[in-house]
């Protein structure tokens, strides 16, 4: 499992919607594409993933179940 969101920069059009919803300040537009510049600040809120019209950002996760 990745500890950081996956970012497919080749899909990014630099619209900045993800940056506008990032309450952690972890995202920036650099050279007209998204960049996760403050990795340790990412709080995994997934808001950037939800607003991205191009599917650039994804948050891989692992489902863990507890057997009783």
PDB file of N, CA and C in Angstrom:
ATOM      1  N   UNK A   1       0.835  -1.180   0.000  1.00  0.00           N
ATOM      2  CA  UNK A   1       0.000   0.000   0.000  1.00  0.00           C
ATOM      3  C   UNK A   1       0.883   1.248   0.000  1.00  0.00           C
ATOM      4  N   UNK A   2       0.524   2.207  -0.804  1.00  0.00           N
ATOM      5  CA  UNK A   2       1.248   3.463  -0.864  1.00  0.00           C
ATOM      6  C   UNK A   2       0.867   4.333   0.327  1.00  0.00           C
ATOM      7  N   UNK A   3       1.838   5.061   0.855  1.00  0.00           N
ATOM      8  CA  UNK A   3       1.553   5.972   1.942  1.00  0.00           C
ATOM      9  C   UNK A   3       1.196   7.357   1.444  1.00  0.00           C
ATOM     10  N   UNK A   4       1.306   7.586   0.158  1.00  0.00           N
ATOM     11  CA  UNK A   4       0.992   8.868  -0.436  1.00  0.00           C
ATOM     12  C   UNK A   4       0.004   8.665  -1.586  1.00  0.00           C
ATOM     13  N   UNK A   5      -0.757   9.698  -1.910  1.00  0.00           N
ATOM     14  CA  UNK A   5      -1.649   9.572  -3.062  1.00  0.00           C
ATOM     15  C   UNK A   5      -0.848   9.361  -4.341  1.00  0.00           C
ATOM     16  N   UNK A   6      -1.437   8.652  -5.285  1.00  0.00           N
ATOM     17  CA  UNK A   6      -0.809   8.472  -6.591  1.00  0.00           C
ATOM     18  C   UNK A   6      -1.199   9.644  -7.474  1.00  0.00           C
ATOM     19  N   UNK A   7      -0.231  10.224  -8.155  1.00  0.00           N
ATOM     20  CA  UNK A   7      -0.482  11.374  -9.015  1.00  0.00           C
ATOM     21  C   UNK A   7       0.038  11.055 -10.408  1.00  0.00           C
ATOM     22  N   UNK A   8      -0.876  11.054 -11.380  1.00  0.00           N
ATOM     23  CA  UNK A   8      -0.521  10.804 -12.775  1.00  0.00           C
ATOM     24  C   UNK A   8      -0.404  12.153 -13.484  1.00  0.00           C
ATOM     25  N   UNK A   9       0.781  12.752 -13.397  1.00  0.00           N
ATOM     26  CA  UNK A   9       0.986  14.110 -13.896  1.00  0.00           C
ATOM     27  C   UNK A   9       0.700  14.260 -15.387  1.00  0.00           C
ATOM     28  N   UNK A  10       0.855  13.181 -16.153  1.00  0.00           N
ATOM     29  CA  UNK A  10       0.612  13.274 -17.595  1.00  0.00           C
ATOM     30  C   UNK A  10      -0.857  13.553 -17.914  1.00  0.00           C
ATOM     31  N   UNK A  11      -1.756  13.295 -16.975  1.00  0.00           N
ATOM     32  CA  UNK A  11      -3.186  13.573 -17.162  1.00  0.00           C
ATOM     33  C   UNK A  11      -3.574  14.980 -16.707  1.00  0.00           C
ATOM     34  N   UNK A  12      -2.684  15.656 -15.979  1.00  0.00           N
ATOM     35  CA  UNK A  12      -3.012  16.932 -15.355  1.00  0.00           C
ATOM     36  C   UNK A  12      -3.020  18.070 -16.373  1.00  0.00           C
ATOM     37  N   UNK A  13      -4.097  18.879 -16.329  1.00  0.00           N
ATOM     38  CA  UNK A  13      -4.171  20.046 -17.202  1.00  0.00           C
ATOM     39  C   UNK A  13      -3.888  21.346 -16.448  1.00  0.00           C
ATOM     40  N   UNK A  14      -3.516  21.234 -15.170  1.00  0.00           N
ATOM     41  CA  UNK A  14      -3.141  22.402 -14.385  1.00  0.00           C
ATOM     42  C   UNK A  14      -4.291  23.281 -13.946  1.00  0.00           C
ATOM     43  N   UNK A  15      -5.499  22.737 -13.889  1.00  0.00           N
ATOM     44  CA  UNK A  15      -6.679  23.548 -13.548  1.00  0.00           C
ATOM     45  C   UNK A  15      -6.633  24.101 -12.127  1.00  0.00           C
ATOM     46  N   UNK A  16      -5.992  23.392 -11.201  1.00  0.00           N
ATOM     47  CA  UNK A  16      -5.831  23.877  -9.836  1.00  0.00           C
ATOM     48  C   UNK A  16      -6.982  23.601  -8.891  1.00  0.00           C
ATOM     49  N   UNK A  17      -7.998  22.865  -9.334  1.00  0.00           N
ATOM     50  CA  UNK A  17      -9.113  22.556  -8.438  1.00  0.00           C
ATOM     51  C   UNK A  17      -8.638  21.801  -7.197  1.00  0.00           C
ATOM     52  N   UNK A  18      -7.726  20.877  -7.387  1.00  0.00           N
ATOM     53  CA  UNK A  18      -7.209  20.092  -6.263  1.00  0.00           C
ATOM     54  C   UNK A  18      -6.510  20.979  -5.239  1.00  0.00           C
ATOM     55  N   UNK A  19      -5.751  21.951  -5.721  1.00  0.00           N
ATOM     56  CA  UNK A  19      -5.046  22.864  -4.831  1.00  0.00           C
ATOM     57  C   UNK A  19      -6.050  23.691  -4.032  1.00  0.00           C
ATOM     58  N   UNK A  20      -7.134  24.099  -4.679  1.00  0.00           N
ATOM     59  CA  UNK A  20      -8.117  24.952  -4.012  1.00  0.00           C
ATOM     60  C   UNK A  20      -8.853  24.236  -2.883  1.00  0.00           C
ATOM     61  N   UNK A  21      -8.941  22.903  -2.924  1.00  0.00           N
ATOM     62  CA  UNK A  21      -9.640  22.170  -1.864  1.00  0.00           C
ATOM     63  C   UNK A  21      -8.695  21.527  -0.857  1.00  0.00           C
ATOM     64  N   UNK A  22      -7.402  21.610  -1.092  1.00  0.00           N
ATOM     65  CA  UNK A  22      -6.420  20.989  -0.203  1.00  0.00           C
ATOM     66  C   UNK A  22      -6.252  21.841   1.055  1.00  0.00           C
ATOM     67  N   UNK A  23      -6.854  21.399   2.148  1.00  0.00           N
ATOM     68  CA  UNK A  23      -6.785  22.151   3.397  1.00  0.00           C
ATOM     69  C   UNK A  23      -5.435  21.982   4.099  1.00  0.00           C
ATOM     70  N   UNK A  24      -4.657  21.010   3.676  1.00  0.00           N
ATOM     71  CA  UNK A  24      -3.347  20.751   4.291  1.00  0.00           C
ATOM     72  C   UNK A  24      -2.230  21.571   3.673  1.00  0.00           C
ATOM     73  N   UNK A  25      -2.458  22.110   2.492  1.00  0.00           N
ATOM     74  CA  UNK A  25      -1.414  22.848   1.792  1.00  0.00           C
ATOM     75  C   UNK A  25      -0.345  21.957   1.200  1.00  0.00           C
ATOM     76  N   UNK A  26      -0.690  20.695   0.960  1.00  0.00           N
ATOM     77  CA  UNK A  26       0.287  19.737   0.457  1.00  0.00           C
ATOM     78  C   UNK A  26       0.459  19.785  -1.065  1.00  0.00           C
ATOM     79  N   UNK A  27      -0.480  20.398  -1.769  1.00  0.00           N
ATOM     80  CA  UNK A  27      -0.454  20.406  -3.238  1.00  0.00           C
ATOM     81  C   UNK A  27      -0.112  21.784  -3.785  1.00  0.00           C
ATOM     82  N   UNK A  28       0.578  21.802  -4.909  1.00  0.00           N
ATOM     83  CA  UNK A  28       0.909  23.028  -5.630  1.00  0.00           C
ATOM     84  C   UNK A  28       0.874  22.723  -7.123  1.00  0.00           C
ATOM     85  N   UNK A  29       0.650  23.748  -7.903  1.00  0.00           N
ATOM     86  CA  UNK A  29       0.817  23.641  -9.355  1.00  0.00           C
ATOM     87  C   UNK A  29       2.244  24.093  -9.650  1.00  0.00           C
ATOM     88  N   UNK A  30       3.033  23.208 -10.218  1.00  0.00           N
ATOM     89  CA  UNK A  30       4.429  23.488 -10.565  1.00  0.00           C
ATOM     90  C   UNK A  30       4.604  23.159 -12.042  1.00  0.00           C
ATOM     91  N   UNK A  31       5.050  24.120 -12.813  1.00  0.00           N
ATOM     92  CA  UNK A  31       5.217  23.947 -14.265  1.00  0.00           C
ATOM     93  C   UNK A  31       3.923  23.462 -14.914  1.00  0.00           C
ATOM     94  N   UNK A  32       2.804  24.022 -14.463  1.00  0.00           N
ATOM     95  CA  UNK A  32       1.471  23.766 -15.014  1.00  0.00           C
ATOM     96  C   UNK A  32       0.947  22.348 -14.776  1.00  0.00           C
ATOM     97  N   UNK A  33       1.502  21.630 -13.813  1.00  0.00           N
ATOM     98  CA  UNK A  33       0.971  20.321 -13.411  1.00  0.00           C
ATOM     99  C   UNK A  33       0.984  20.224 -11.886  1.00  0.00           C
ATOM    100  N   UNK A  34       0.166  19.343 -11.362  1.00  0.00           N
ATOM    101  CA  UNK A  34       0.052  19.175  -9.922  1.00  0.00           C
ATOM    102  C   UNK A  34       1.298  18.514  -9.351  1.00  0.00           C
ATOM    103  N   UNK A  35       1.653  18.934  -8.158  1.00  0.00           N
ATOM    104  CA  UNK A  35       2.790  18.359  -7.471  1.00  0.00           C
ATOM    105  C   UNK A  35       2.466  18.262  -5.987  1.00  0.00           C
ATOM    106  N   UNK A  36       2.792  17.143  -5.385  1.00  0.00           N
ATOM    107  CA  UNK A  36       2.643  16.950  -3.954  1.00  0.00           C
ATOM    108  C   UNK A  36       3.944  17.419  -3.320  1.00  0.00           C
ATOM    109  N   UNK A  37       3.972  18.675  -2.866  1.00  0.00           N
ATOM    110  CA  UNK A  37       5.226  19.260  -2.411  1.00  0.00           C
ATOM    111  C   UNK A  37       5.456  19.122  -0.911  1.00  0.00           C
ATOM    112  N   UNK A  38       4.421  18.913  -0.175  1.00  0.00           N
ATOM    113  CA  UNK A  38       4.539  18.750   1.272  1.00  0.00           C
ATOM    114  C   UNK A  38       3.952  17.396   1.653  1.00  0.00           C
ATOM    115  N   UNK A  39       4.628  16.317   1.270  1.00  0.00           N
ATOM    116  CA  UNK A  39       4.106  14.962   1.456  1.00  0.00           C
ATOM    117  C   UNK A  39       3.695  14.678   2.894  1.00  0.00           C
ATOM    118  N   UNK A  40       4.511  15.110   3.847  1.00  0.00           N
ATOM    119  CA  UNK A  40       4.211  14.812   5.239  1.00  0.00           C
ATOM    120  C   UNK A  40       2.968  15.554   5.735  1.00  0.00           C
ATOM    121  N   UNK A  41       2.524  16.570   5.005  1.00  0.00           N
ATOM    122  CA  UNK A  41       1.334  17.323   5.403  1.00  0.00           C
ATOM    123  C   UNK A  41       0.038  16.726   4.875  1.00  0.00           C
ATOM    124  N   UNK A  42       0.119  15.807   3.934  1.00  0.00           N
ATOM    125  CA  UNK A  42      -1.087  15.213   3.350  1.00  0.00           C
ATOM    126  C   UNK A  42      -1.866  14.464   4.429  1.00  0.00           C
ATOM    127  N   UNK A  43      -3.117  14.854   4.613  1.00  0.00           N
ATOM    128  CA  UNK A  43      -3.957  14.247   5.642  1.00  0.00           C
ATOM    129  C   UNK A  43      -4.904  13.191   5.114  1.00  0.00           C
ATOM    130  N   UNK A  44      -4.761  12.798   3.857  1.00  0.00           N
ATOM    131  CA  UNK A  44      -5.585  11.766   3.229  1.00  0.00           C
ATOM    132  C   UNK A  44      -7.082  12.081   3.321  1.00  0.00           C
ATOM    133  N   UNK A  45      -7.449  13.337   3.158  1.00  0.00           N
ATOM    134  CA  UNK A  45      -8.870  13.692   3.204  1.00  0.00           C
ATOM    135  C   UNK A  45      -9.580  13.287   1.910  1.00  0.00           C
ATOM    136  N   UNK A  46      -8.840  13.094   0.839  1.00  0.00           N
ATOM    137  CA  UNK A  46      -9.291  12.671  -0.496  1.00  0.00           C
ATOM    138  C   UNK A  46     -10.127  13.713  -1.242  1.00  0.00           C
ATOM    139  N   UNK A  47     -10.206  14.932  -0.740  1.00  0.00           N
ATOM    140  CA  UNK A  47     -10.984  15.962  -1.433  1.00  0.00           C
ATOM    141  C   UNK A  47     -10.410  16.267  -2.812  1.00  0.00           C
ATOM    142  N   UNK A  48      -9.096  16.262  -2.937  1.00  0.00           N
ATOM    143  CA  UNK A  48      -8.472  16.537  -4.234  1.00  0.00           C
ATOM    144  C   UNK A  48      -8.850  15.467  -5.255  1.00  0.00           C
ATOM    145  N   UNK A  49      -8.892  14.225  -4.813  1.00  0.00           N
ATOM    146  CA  UNK A  49      -9.290  13.128  -5.694  1.00  0.00           C
ATOM    147  C   UNK A  49     -10.725  13.318  -6.181  1.00  0.00           C
ATOM    148  N   UNK A  50     -11.590  13.761  -5.292  1.00  0.00           N
ATOM    149  CA  UNK A  50     -13.006  13.923  -5.634  1.00  0.00           C
ATOM    150  C   UNK A  50     -13.263  15.044  -6.631  1.00  0.00           C
ATOM    151  N   UNK A  51     -12.484  16.134  -6.583  1.00  0.00           N
ATOM    152  CA  UNK A  51     -12.744  17.277  -7.465  1.00  0.00           C
ATOM    153  C   UNK A  51     -11.999  17.212  -8.791  1.00  0.00           C
ATOM    154  N   UNK A  52     -11.010  16.354  -8.916  1.00  0.00           N
ATOM    155  CA  UNK A  52     -10.200  16.321 -10.141  1.00  0.00           C
ATOM    156  C   UNK A  52     -11.018  15.797 -11.326  1.00  0.00           C
ATOM    157  N   UNK A  53     -11.211  16.627 -12.355  1.00  0.00           N
ATOM    158  CA  UNK A  53     -12.005  16.200 -13.504  1.00  0.00           C
ATOM    159  C   UNK A  53     -11.291  15.190 -14.407  1.00  0.00           C
ATOM    160  N   UNK A  54      -9.979  15.040 -14.237  1.00  0.00           N
ATOM    161  CA  UNK A  54      -9.202  14.164 -15.106  1.00  0.00           C
ATOM    162  C   UNK A  54      -8.720  12.888 -14.434  1.00  0.00           C
ATOM    163  N   UNK A  55      -9.086  12.669 -13.188  1.00  0.00           N
ATOM    164  CA  UNK A  55      -8.670  11.453 -12.492  1.00  0.00           C
ATOM    165  C   UNK A  55      -7.180  11.363 -12.256  1.00  0.00           C
ATOM    166  N   UNK A  56      -6.553  12.502 -12.022  1.00  0.00           N
ATOM    167  CA  UNK A  56      -5.100  12.557 -11.860  1.00  0.00           C
ATOM    168  C   UNK A  56      -4.660  11.978 -10.519  1.00  0.00           C
ATOM    169  N   UNK A  57      -5.455  12.214  -9.473  1.00  0.00           N
ATOM    170  CA  UNK A  57      -5.069  11.847  -8.110  1.00  0.00           C
ATOM    171  C   UNK A  57      -5.911  10.669  -7.630  1.00  0.00           C
ATOM    172  N   UNK A  58      -5.249   9.679  -7.048  1.00  0.00           N
ATOM    173  CA  UNK A  58      -5.983   8.564  -6.455  1.00  0.00           C
ATOM    174  C   UNK A  58      -5.319   8.172  -5.144  1.00  0.00           C
ATOM    175  N   UNK A  59      -6.142   7.699  -4.243  1.00  0.00           N
ATOM    176  CA  UNK A  59      -5.681   7.287  -2.923  1.00  0.00           C
ATOM    177  C   UNK A  59      -5.860   5.788  -2.786  1.00  0.00           C
ATOM    178  N   UNK A  60      -4.798   5.031  -3.023  1.00  0.00           N
ATOM    179  CA  UNK A  60      -4.902   3.584  -2.854  1.00  0.00           C
ATOM    180  C   UNK A  60      -5.036   3.258  -1.369  1.00  0.00           C
ATOM    181  N   UNK A  61      -5.829   2.281  -1.084  1.00  0.00           N
ATOM    182  CA  UNK A  61      -5.977   1.865   0.298  1.00  0.00           C
ATOM    183  C   UNK A  61      -6.196   0.373   0.361  1.00  0.00           C
ATOM    184  N   UNK A  62      -6.042  -0.152   1.519  1.00  0.00           N
ATOM    185  CA  UNK A  62      -6.202  -1.562   1.742  1.00  0.00           C
ATOM    186  C   UNK A  62      -7.331  -1.755   2.743  1.00  0.00           C
ATOM    187  N   UNK A  63      -8.284  -2.621   2.417  1.00  0.00           N
ATOM    188  CA  UNK A  63      -9.376  -2.904   3.326  1.00  0.00           C
ATOM    189  C   UNK A  63      -8.944  -4.020   4.263  1.00  0.00           C
ATOM    190  N   UNK A  64      -9.033  -3.768   5.539  1.00  0.00           N
ATOM    191  CA  UNK A  64      -8.644  -4.743   6.551  1.00  0.00           C
ATOM    192  C   UNK A  64      -9.885  -5.089   7.346  1.00  0.00           C
ATOM    193  N   UNK A  65     -10.170  -6.381   7.422  1.00  0.00           N
ATOM    194  CA  UNK A  65     -11.325  -6.815   8.209  1.00  0.00           C
ATOM    195  C   UNK A  65     -10.848  -7.614   9.399  1.00  0.00           C
ATOM    196  N   UNK A  66     -11.614  -7.539  10.435  1.00  0.00           N
ATOM    197  CA  UNK A  66     -11.275  -8.267  11.642  1.00  0.00           C
ATOM    198  C   UNK A  66     -12.244  -9.449  11.751  1.00  0.00           C
ATOM    199  N   UNK A  67     -11.675 -10.615  11.812  1.00  0.00           N
ATOM    200  CA  UNK A  67     -12.523 -11.815  11.956  1.00  0.00           C
ATOM    201  C   UNK A  67     -12.856 -12.019  13.425  1.00  0.00           C
ATOM    202  N   UNK A  68     -14.116 -12.400  13.685  1.00  0.00           N
ATOM    203  CA  UNK A  68     -14.486 -12.632  15.080  1.00  0.00           C
ATOM    204  C   UNK A  68     -14.677 -14.096  15.376  1.00  0.00           C
TER     205      UNK A  68
END
